[in-house]
């Protein structure tokens, strides 16, 4: 997400490095790079022009802060402008004075409206609300069945009158049902079209009149780029939007839609879809998104993802095991499965500041290695998982695990050795040590952390221009496994 745009912004900032201050002459080169970056990201031309003018006005003559270099100051100004163009702050869903709150989902066919409706239904359920999803898409084959299947999957009720009823009648009947049975929120899934047409808009107007919604959310495919601006404008003028849901941000998205929607319609982006799973929906925070675009990571989103999956009691138990160096393979397997529930390893790493530079190929290799490790742990007995020292002491056990998991004994040996190293690293961290410092074991395999998870490939050593000669020498071969 936004990888290309992030790289372009970084190139723009490089032109200001070594300057004493930001001036009208030296800022133009950086602004030219920013303009190119935004246009290549499919941001609407009118939005690009306004954004560049705003950054130029702020940058030229900006007060120089002691200890802050011009390139750092430029990044801060661009960050502020990005936040503002995307809406300034998170815009929560409206809540009706008298239940139920009615939310109308609109958009083109293929944007992911039905899936977005289910994702939002699950989000509301997790917030402690009781939502009713209304299947008002009577045109697309199996649209009603799809919503009912998703509803059963997430435990959210679906209302339908079948494919023969008029959409506006379905919406009105669904809202009446919600009032009778005490639902907090009604989500109306409407039909899309392959393109904007008069008939589609007239039907949306009729549904809006019948439903009197508190929210009209436009579901936009983030990969449509500059078309997002025209789509947003058309819906807003004829139907009236209160917000947007940006889908497929995990795909090959250039990011232009995220920067165009708010500026064109004045309606905020309220949610973003970051994957195919029904859990992959996040409230949209402009400040966090601006940080991601500029390669600063997004720690708050990472913490929120983790907090959904981790129990406080588990955290305390794990901390105790780390301090005592009793972290075992069962614990490691639990942590791997936690990462899977939170999303892909690559997606999570890019939320960590400074980790956006990790090569995608290395991340994929790391994910493949985690699968291999899971297979090896699956071939261990419960006793072996809890007492890794048994594997260190008995090669026959390692050979059996290799055979059972479909990997070589050398693979098992490496995972065991790396596990020993990681366990020592974790123990030092819990006692106040810092990863990556001289003398520390580090985490082999994760770039920027001195290594990685057991069995992950280590990053290539620094060559000329980075690191010392000593650091570039091949590591000495280990003998045995030491004491676990």
Foldseek 3Di string as FASTA:
>chain_A
DLLQLLVLLVVLLVQQPPPQADALVSNVSSLVSNLVSLVVLQAAPVLSVVLSVQLSVCRHPPDDDPPAGRSNVSLVSSLVSLCVLQPVWADAADFDPDDAAEEEEDEAPPLCLLLVLLLVCLVVVVVVFAEEEEELALPDPCSLVVNCVSCVVSVHHYFYPHNPDHSLVSLLVRRVVCVVVVGHYYYYRYHHHNDDDPVVLVSLQSNCVSNVHPFYEYRGEQAVRNVLLVRLLVCCVRNNGQEYEYEDPQDPRSRNNSSHNCNRRVHHHQWYANDDDSNRIDGDTSSQVSCLSNQFAAVPVLVVLLVVQDDPVVVVVVLVCLQVLQCFQVNVLVVVVSCVSSPQPLVSQSNHRPSSPDDPVLSVQVVVQVVLSNLLVVQADPVCRRPVVVCLVDVVRLCSSCVRSVHHSVLSVQLSLLVSLVSQQSNCVSVPDAFPDPPRSWAQARPPGNRHHGSRHGDQFDDPPDDDPVRNDDDDDDDGRPGD
